[in-house]
PDB file of N, CA and C in Angstrom:
ATOM      1  N   MET A   1      87.101 149.943  82.627  1.00  0.00           N
ATOM      2  CA  MET A   1      86.654 148.777  82.037  1.00  0.00           C
ATOM      3  C   MET A   1      85.436 148.749  81.199  1.00  0.00           C
ATOM      4  N   ALA A   2      85.544 148.497  79.816  1.00  0.00           N
ATOM      5  CA  ALA A   2      84.478 148.539  79.083  1.00  0.00           C
ATOM      6  C   ALA A   2      83.286 147.530  79.447  1.00  0.00           C
ATOM      7  N   SER A   3      82.135 147.574  79.212  1.00  0.00           N
ATOM      8  CA  SER A   3      81.157 146.566  79.673  1.00  0.00           C
ATOM      9  C   SER A   3      80.256 146.335  78.360  1.00  0.00           C
ATOM     10  N   TRP A   4      80.176 144.993  78.052  1.00  0.00           N
ATOM     11  CA  TRP A   4      79.320 144.557  77.137  1.00  0.00           C
ATOM     12  C   TRP A   4      77.981 143.730  77.461  1.00  0.00           C
ATOM     13  N   GLN A   5      76.878 143.945  77.071  1.00  0.00           N
ATOM     14  CA  GLN A   5      75.809 142.953  77.257  1.00  0.00           C
ATOM     15  C   GLN A   5      76.210 141.670  76.565  1.00  0.00           C
ATOM     16  N   VAL A   6      75.769 140.546  76.987  1.00  0.00           N
ATOM     17  CA  VAL A   6      76.217 139.113  76.341  1.00  0.00           C
ATOM     18  C   VAL A   6      75.753 139.185  74.788  1.00  0.00           C
ATOM     19  N   ASN A   7      74.666 139.724  74.503  1.00  0.00           N
ATOM     20  CA  ASN A   7      74.197 139.694  73.062  1.00  0.00           C
ATOM     21  C   ASN A   7      74.972 140.619  72.149  1.00  0.00           C
ATOM     22  N   ALA A   8      75.572 141.688  72.707  1.00  0.00           N
ATOM     23  CA  ALA A   8      76.371 142.634  72.045  1.00  0.00           C
ATOM     24  C   ALA A   8      77.595 142.125  71.928  1.00  0.00           C
ATOM     25  N   ALA A   9      78.188 141.539  72.882  1.00  0.00           N
ATOM     26  CA  ALA A   9      79.540 140.884  72.849  1.00  0.00           C
ATOM     27  C   ALA A   9      79.396 139.766  71.770  1.00  0.00           C
ATOM     28  N   ARG A  10      78.514 138.795  71.791  1.00  0.00           N
ATOM     29  CA  ARG A  10      78.417 137.744  70.588  1.00  0.00           C
ATOM     30  C   ARG A  10      78.339 138.319  69.396  1.00  0.00           C
ATOM     31  N   ASN A  11      77.666 139.537  69.122  1.00  0.00           N
ATOM     32  CA  ASN A  11      77.488 140.071  67.712  1.00  0.00           C
ATOM     33  C   ASN A  11      78.698 140.889  67.296  1.00  0.00           C
ATOM     34  N   HIS A  12      79.528 141.233  68.453  1.00  0.00           N
ATOM     35  CA  HIS A  12      80.800 142.068  67.982  1.00  0.00           C
ATOM     36  C   HIS A  12      81.986 141.581  68.564  1.00  0.00           C
ATOM     37  N   TRP A  13      82.060 140.290  68.689  1.00  0.00           N
ATOM     38  CA  TRP A  13      83.098 139.427  69.204  1.00  0.00           C
ATOM     39  C   TRP A  13      84.390 139.955  68.735  1.00  0.00           C
ATOM     40  N   SER A  14      84.673 140.174  67.592  1.00  0.00           N
ATOM     41  CA  SER A  14      86.043 140.492  67.041  1.00  0.00           C
ATOM     42  C   SER A  14      86.393 142.001  67.642  1.00  0.00           C
ATOM     43  N   GLU A  15      85.433 142.839  67.758  1.00  0.00           N
ATOM     44  CA  GLU A  15      85.529 144.243  68.436  1.00  0.00           C
ATOM     45  C   GLU A  15      85.955 143.943  70.033  1.00  0.00           C
ATOM     46  N   VAL A  16      85.214 143.164  70.651  1.00  0.00           N
ATOM     47  CA  VAL A  16      85.441 142.850  71.999  1.00  0.00           C
ATOM     48  C   VAL A  16      86.938 142.401  72.167  1.00  0.00           C
ATOM     49  N   LEU A  17      87.488 141.412  71.380  1.00  0.00           N
ATOM     50  CA  LEU A  17      88.718 140.959  71.349  1.00  0.00           C
ATOM     51  C   LEU A  17      89.730 142.036  71.028  1.00  0.00           C
ATOM     52  N   ASP A  18      89.576 142.899  70.062  1.00  0.00           N
ATOM     53  CA  ASP A  18      90.403 143.930  69.739  1.00  0.00           C
ATOM     54  C   ASP A  18      90.541 145.067  70.857  1.00  0.00           C
ATOM     55  N   GLN A  19      89.489 145.268  71.555  1.00  0.00           N
ATOM     56  CA  GLN A  19      89.416 146.190  72.549  1.00  0.00           C
ATOM     57  C   GLN A  19      90.171 145.612  73.968  1.00  0.00           C
ATOM     58  N   ALA A  20      89.798 144.459  74.029  1.00  0.00           N
ATOM     59  CA  ALA A  20      90.675 143.695  75.275  1.00  0.00           C
ATOM     60  C   ALA A  20      92.147 143.809  75.090  1.00  0.00           C
ATOM     61  N   GLU A  21      92.582 143.635  73.800  1.00  0.00           N
ATOM     62  CA  GLU A  21      93.997 143.749  73.436  1.00  0.00           C
ATOM     63  C   GLU A  21      94.536 145.091  73.590  1.00  0.00           C
ATOM     64  N   CYS A  22      93.852 146.156  73.075  1.00  0.00           N
ATOM     65  CA  CYS A  22      94.229 147.490  73.055  1.00  0.00           C
ATOM     66  C   CYS A  22      93.842 148.425  74.136  1.00  0.00           C
ATOM     67  N   GLU A  23      92.827 147.893  74.735  1.00  0.00           N
ATOM     68  CA  GLU A  23      92.193 148.927  75.799  1.00  0.00           C
ATOM     69  C   GLU A  23      92.116 148.603  77.017  1.00  0.00           C
ATOM     70  N   GLY A  24      92.306 147.097  77.321  1.00  0.00           N
ATOM     71  CA  GLY A  24      92.230 146.392  78.579  1.00  0.00           C
ATOM     72  C   GLY A  24      91.032 145.610  78.712  1.00  0.00           C
ATOM     73  N   PRO A  25      90.824 144.767  79.903  1.00  0.00           N
ATOM     74  CA  PRO A  25      89.589 143.916  80.140  1.00  0.00           C
ATOM     75  C   PRO A  25      88.364 144.569  79.553  1.00  0.00           C
ATOM     76  N   GLN A  26      87.507 143.585  79.226  1.00  0.00           N
ATOM     77  CA  GLN A  26      86.265 143.968  78.830  1.00  0.00           C
ATOM     78  C   GLN A  26      85.285 142.834  79.714  1.00  0.00           C
ATOM     79  N   THR A  27      84.338 143.591  80.251  1.00  0.00           N
ATOM     80  CA  THR A  27      83.362 142.927  81.048  1.00  0.00           C
ATOM     81  C   THR A  27      82.253 142.523  80.310  1.00  0.00           C
ATOM     82  N   ILE A  28      81.710 141.221  80.452  1.00  0.00           N
ATOM     83  CA  ILE A  28      80.459 140.838  79.977  1.00  0.00           C
ATOM     84  C   ILE A  28      79.314 140.798  80.790  1.00  0.00           C
ATOM     85  N   THR A  29      78.182 141.251  80.615  1.00  0.00           N
ATOM     86  CA  THR A  29      77.126 141.212  81.561  1.00  0.00           C
ATOM     87  C   THR A  29      76.072 140.366  80.878  1.00  0.00           C
ATOM     88  N   HIS A  30      75.159 139.955  81.796  1.00  0.00           N
ATOM     89  CA  HIS A  30      73.983 139.121  81.426  1.00  0.00           C
ATOM     90  C   HIS A  30      72.905 139.577  82.491  1.00  0.00           C
ATOM     91  N   HIS A  31      71.869 140.130  81.894  1.00  0.00           N
ATOM     92  CA  HIS A  31      70.714 140.673  82.676  1.00  0.00           C
ATOM     93  C   HIS A  31      71.248 141.682  83.748  1.00  0.00           C
ATOM     94  N   GLY A  32      72.297 142.511  83.466  1.00  0.00           N
ATOM     95  CA  GLY A  32      72.778 143.722  84.223  1.00  0.00           C
ATOM     96  C   GLY A  32      73.785 143.085  85.278  1.00  0.00           C
ATOM     97  N   LYS A  33      74.030 141.881  85.322  1.00  0.00           N
ATOM     98  CA  LYS A  33      74.903 141.158  86.307  1.00  0.00           C
ATOM     99  C   LYS A  33      76.220 140.880  85.490  1.00  0.00           C
ATOM    100  N   GLU A  34      77.396 141.330  86.191  1.00  0.00           N
ATOM    101  CA  GLU A  34      78.663 140.915  85.526  1.00  0.00           C
ATOM    102  C   GLU A  34      79.032 139.351  85.628  1.00  0.00           C
ATOM    103  N   ARG A  35      79.250 138.826  84.539  1.00  0.00           N
ATOM    104  CA  ARG A  35      79.453 137.420  84.321  1.00  0.00           C
ATOM    105  C   ARG A  35      80.720 136.912  83.919  1.00  0.00           C
ATOM    106  N   ALA A  36      81.517 137.647  83.195  1.00  0.00           N
ATOM    107  CA  ALA A  36      82.786 137.216  82.810  1.00  0.00           C
ATOM    108  C   ALA A  36      83.586 138.501  82.398  1.00  0.00           C
ATOM    109  N   VAL A  37      84.946 138.273  82.198  1.00  0.00           N
ATOM    110  CA  VAL A  37      85.959 139.311  81.718  1.00  0.00           C
ATOM    111  C   VAL A  37      86.702 138.759  80.563  1.00  0.00           C
ATOM    112  N   VAL A  38      87.116 139.322  79.603  1.00  0.00           N
ATOM    113  CA  VAL A  38      87.791 139.103  78.445  1.00  0.00           C
ATOM    114  C   VAL A  38      89.060 139.842  78.652  1.00  0.00           C
ATOM    115  N   LEU A  39      90.106 138.988  78.610  1.00  0.00           N
ATOM    116  CA  LEU A  39      91.432 139.698  78.666  1.00  0.00           C
ATOM    117  C   LEU A  39      92.311 139.338  77.557  1.00  0.00           C
ATOM    118  N   SER A  40      93.391 140.140  77.415  1.00  0.00           N
ATOM    119  CA  SER A  40      94.291 139.852  76.162  1.00  0.00           C
ATOM    120  C   SER A  40      95.100 138.685  76.647  1.00  0.00           C
ATOM    121  N   ILE A  41      95.687 138.015  75.836  1.00  0.00           N
ATOM    122  CA  ILE A  41      96.684 136.887  76.338  1.00  0.00           C
ATOM    123  C   ILE A  41      97.759 137.513  77.049  1.00  0.00           C
ATOM    124  N   GLU A  42      98.445 138.603  76.820  1.00  0.00           N
ATOM    125  CA  GLU A  42      99.485 139.191  77.490  1.00  0.00           C
ATOM    126  C   GLU A  42      99.054 139.463  78.960  1.00  0.00           C
ATOM    127  N   GLU A  43      97.935 139.794  79.266  1.00  0.00           N
ATOM    128  CA  GLU A  43      97.500 140.230  80.547  1.00  0.00           C
ATOM    129  C   GLU A  43      97.136 139.150  81.339  1.00  0.00           C
ATOM    130  N   TYR A  44      96.773 138.015  80.650  1.00  0.00           N
ATOM    131  CA  TYR A  44      96.373 136.700  81.343  1.00  0.00           C
ATOM    132  C   TYR A  44      97.677 136.070  81.674  1.00  0.00           C
ATOM    133  N   ARG A  45      98.633 136.034  80.825  1.00  0.00           N
ATOM    134  CA  ARG A  45      99.779 135.515  81.188  1.00  0.00           C
ATOM    135  C   ARG A  45     100.460 136.179  82.540  1.00  0.00           C
ATOM    136  N   SER A  46     100.504 137.458  82.362  1.00  0.00           N
ATOM    137  CA  SER A  46     101.066 138.288  83.343  1.00  0.00           C
ATOM    138  C   SER A  46     100.343 137.937  84.742  1.00  0.00           C
ATOM    139  N   LEU A  47      99.072 137.716  84.836  1.00  0.00           N
ATOM    140  CA  LEU A  47      98.503 137.234  85.828  1.00  0.00           C
ATOM    141  C   LEU A  47      98.858 135.916  86.500  1.00  0.00           C
ATOM    142  N   GLN A  48      98.905 134.989  85.546  1.00  0.00           N
ATOM    143  CA  GLN A  48      99.429 133.654  85.840  1.00  0.00           C
ATOM    144  C   GLN A  48     100.980 133.572  86.356  1.00  0.00           C
ATOM    145  N   LYS A  49     101.784 134.397  85.782  1.00  0.00           N
ATOM    146  CA  LYS A  49     103.137 134.496  86.496  1.00  0.00           C
ATOM    147  C   LYS A  49     103.136 134.827  87.755  1.00  0.00           C
ATOM    148  N   ASN A  50     102.278 135.792  88.337  1.00  0.00           N
ATOM    149  CA  ASN A  50     102.219 136.320  89.646  1.00  0.00           C
ATOM    150  C   ASN A  50     101.452 135.459  90.471  1.00  0.00           C
ATOM    151  N   GLN A  51     100.839 134.397  90.108  1.00  0.00           N
ATOM    152  CA  GLN A  51     100.192 133.386  91.065  1.00  0.00           C
ATOM    153  C   GLN A  51     101.228 132.540  91.977  1.00  0.00           C
ATOM    154  N   LYS A  52     100.823 132.630  93.049  1.00  0.00           N
ATOM    155  CA  LYS A  52     101.557 131.783  93.986  1.00  0.00           C
ATOM    156  C   LYS A  52     100.960 130.141  93.950  1.00  0.00           C
ATOM    157  N   PRO A  53     101.690 129.216  93.948  1.00  0.00           N
ATOM    158  CA  PRO A  53     101.102 127.939  94.017  1.00  0.00           C
ATOM    159  C   PRO A  53     100.567 127.672  95.208  1.00  0.00           C
ATOM    160  N   ASP A  54      99.566 126.787  95.180  1.00  0.00           N
ATOM    161  CA  ASP A  54      98.950 126.277  96.381  1.00  0.00           C
ATOM    162  C   ASP A  54      99.893 125.434  97.198  1.00  0.00           C
ATOM    163  N   PHE A  55      99.541 125.118  98.520  1.00  0.00           N
ATOM    164  CA  PHE A  55     100.452 124.369  99.430  1.00  0.00           C
ATOM    165  C   PHE A  55     100.892 123.157  98.720  1.00  0.00           C
ATOM    166  N   ILE A  56      99.931 122.462  98.324  1.00  0.00           N
ATOM    167  CA  ILE A  56     100.336 121.016  97.863  1.00  0.00           C
ATOM    168  C   ILE A  56     101.373 121.148  96.731  1.00  0.00           C
ATOM    169  N   THR A  57     101.056 122.069  95.924  1.00  0.00           N
ATOM    170  CA  THR A  57     101.957 122.168  94.580  1.00  0.00           C
ATOM    171  C   THR A  57     103.238 122.450  95.094  1.00  0.00           C
ATOM    172  N   TYR A  58     103.395 123.546  96.165  1.00  0.00           N
ATOM    173  CA  TYR A  58     104.514 124.229  96.673  1.00  0.00           C
ATOM    174  C   TYR A  58     105.413 122.931  97.210  1.00  0.00           C
ATOM    175  N   LEU A  59     104.764 122.154  98.142  1.00  0.00           N
ATOM    176  CA  LEU A  59     105.418 121.024  98.615  1.00  0.00           C
ATOM    177  C   LEU A  59     105.900 119.985  97.648  1.00  0.00           C
ATOM    178  N   LEU A  60     105.143 119.596  96.718  1.00  0.00           N
ATOM    179  CA  LEU A  60     105.663 118.736  95.539  1.00  0.00           C
ATOM    180  C   LEU A  60     106.572 119.236  94.702  1.00  0.00           C
ATOM    181  N   ASN A  61     106.799 120.595  94.621  1.00  0.00           N
ATOM    182  CA  ASN A  61     108.025 121.103  93.826  1.00  0.00           C
ATOM    183  C   ASN A  61     109.004 121.525  94.503  1.00  0.00           C
ATOM    184  N   GLY A  62     109.186 121.086  95.887  1.00  0.00           N
ATOM    185  CA  GLY A  62     110.389 121.463  96.620  1.00  0.00           C
ATOM    186  C   GLY A  62     111.563 120.529  96.302  1.00  0.00           C
ATOM    187  N   PRO A  63     112.595 120.691  96.942  1.00  0.00           N
ATOM    188  CA  PRO A  63     113.700 119.967  96.695  1.00  0.00           C
ATOM    189  C   PRO A  63     113.466 118.460  96.739  1.00  0.00           C
ATOM    190  N   LYS A  64     114.204 117.821  95.840  1.00  0.00           N
ATOM    191  CA  LYS A  64     114.203 116.440  95.835  1.00  0.00           C
ATOM    192  C   LYS A  64     115.084 115.780  96.793  1.00  0.00           C
ATOM    193  N   VAL A  65     114.735 114.709  97.587  1.00  0.00           N
ATOM    194  CA  VAL A  65     115.649 114.171  98.542  1.00  0.00           C
ATOM    195  C   VAL A  65     115.922 112.717  97.984  1.00  0.00           C
ATOM    196  N   ASP A  66     117.169 112.249  98.037  1.00  0.00           N
ATOM    197  CA  ASP A  66     117.636 111.103  97.792  1.00  0.00           C
ATOM    198  C   ASP A  66     117.703 110.231  99.147  1.00  0.00           C
ATOM    199  N   TRP A  67     116.630 109.487  99.443  1.00  0.00           N
ATOM    200  CA  TRP A  67     116.354 108.937 100.629  1.00  0.00           C
ATOM    201  C   TRP A  67     117.493 107.809 101.094  1.00  0.00           C
ATOM    202  N   ASP A  68     118.385 107.270  99.909  1.00  0.00           N
ATOM    203  CA  ASP A  68     119.237 106.383 100.098  1.00  0.00           C
ATOM    204  C   ASP A  68     120.490 107.098 100.750  1.00  0.00           C
ATOM    205  N   ASP A  69     120.545 108.362 100.592  1.00  0.00           N
ATOM    206  CA  ASP A  69     121.704 108.947 101.182  1.00  0.00           C
ATOM    207  C   ASP A  69     121.397 109.921 102.484  1.00  0.00           C
ATOM    208  N   ALA A  70     120.151 109.914 103.009  1.00  0.00           N
ATOM    209  CA  ALA A  70     119.885 110.468 103.918  1.00  0.00           C
ATOM    210  C   ALA A  70     119.974 109.840 105.246  1.00  0.00           C
ATOM    211  N   ASP A  71     120.537 110.590 106.226  1.00  0.00           N
ATOM    212  CA  ASP A  71     121.030 109.964 107.369  1.00  0.00           C
ATOM    213  C   ASP A  71     119.723 110.008 108.424  1.00  0.00           C
ATOM    214  N   LEU A  72     119.186 108.773 108.514  1.00  0.00           N
ATOM    215  CA  LEU A  72     117.709 108.909 109.295  1.00  0.00           C
ATOM    216  C   LEU A  72     117.994 108.322 110.679  1.00  0.00           C
ATOM    217  N   GLU A  73     119.243 108.001 111.052  1.00  0.00           N
ATOM    218  CA  GLU A  73     119.358 107.456 112.279  1.00  0.00           C
ATOM    219  C   GLU A  73     119.100 108.447 113.421  1.00  0.00           C
ATOM    220  N   ARG A  74     118.381 108.126 114.543  1.00  0.00           N
ATOM    221  CA  ARG A  74     118.056 108.921 115.548  1.00  0.00           C
ATOM    222  C   ARG A  74     119.024 108.754 116.709  1.00  0.00           C
ATOM    223  N   ASP A  75     119.308 110.144 117.125  1.00  0.00           N
ATOM    224  CA  ASP A  75     120.281 110.143 118.248  1.00  0.00           C
ATOM    225  C   ASP A  75     119.494 109.829 119.536  1.00  0.00           C
ATOM    226  N   LYS A  76     119.913 108.689 120.176  1.00  0.00           N
ATOM    227  CA  LYS A  76     119.216 108.055 121.207  1.00  0.00           C
ATOM    228  C   LYS A  76     119.626 108.760 122.697  1.00  0.00           C
ATOM    229  N   SER A  77     120.964 109.568 122.628  1.00  0.00           N
ATOM    230  CA  SER A  77     121.494 109.989 123.821  1.00  0.00           C
ATOM    231  C   SER A  77     120.523 111.043 124.532  1.00  0.00           C
ATOM    232  N   ALA A  78     119.572 111.541 123.827  1.00  0.00           N
ATOM    233  CA  ALA A  78     118.618 112.431 124.443  1.00  0.00           C
ATOM    234  C   ALA A  78     117.696 111.840 125.565  1.00  0.00           C
ATOM    235  N   HIS A  79     117.595 110.431 125.490  1.00  0.00           N
ATOM    236  CA  HIS A  79     116.772 109.911 126.230  1.00  0.00           C
ATOM    237  C   HIS A  79     117.454 109.873 127.667  1.00  0.00           C
ATOM    238  N   ASP A  80     118.753 110.095 127.851  1.00  0.00           N
ATOM    239  CA  ASP A  80     119.525 110.043 129.094  1.00  0.00           C
ATOM    240  C   ASP A  80     119.642 111.500 129.704  1.00  0.00           C
ATOM    241  N   ARG A  81     118.873 112.379 129.374  1.00  0.00           N
ATOM    242  CA  ARG A  81     118.842 113.750 129.838  1.00  0.00           C
ATOM    243  C   ARG A  81     117.954 113.898 130.970  1.00  0.00           C
ATOM    244  N   GLU A  82     118.218 114.442 132.030  1.00  0.00           N
ATOM    245  CA  GLU A  82     117.517 114.678 133.098  1.00  0.00           C
ATOM    246  C   GLU A  82     116.749 116.060 132.922  1.00  0.00           C
ATOM    247  N   ILE A  83     115.437 116.094 133.188  1.00  0.00           N
ATOM    248  CA  ILE A  83     114.637 117.402 133.068  1.00  0.00           C
ATOM    249  C   ILE A  83     113.930 117.768 134.364  1.00  0.00           C
ATOM    250  N   ASP A  84     114.218 119.020 134.685  1.00  0.00           N
ATOM    251  CA  ASP A  84     113.698 119.614 135.903  1.00  0.00           C
ATOM    252  C   ASP A  84     112.348 120.120 135.543  1.00  0.00           C
ATOM    253  N   LEU A  85     111.331 119.576 136.371  1.00  0.00           N
ATOM    254  CA  LEU A  85     109.921 120.081 136.154  1.00  0.00           C
ATOM    255  C   LEU A  85     109.474 121.023 137.392  1.00  0.00           C
TER     256      LEU A  85
END
């Protein structure tokens, strides 16, 4: 993965974008520390496709229930069972 100092990336932005598209991700550093990565749009979309939704999103996108048709009556016969402890 190619690495660019932030000033060089700023001065050669078109080249950074071209290399991200042709050669892969480009790392941007600032004071020797990795700060960002530039990806091609294809690679970004590929990563997004492979993401699993968080738990809340997963639940909210689950099957829809028509509560008017749901049978919510509780079977009360279970209270008559004898349990050996």
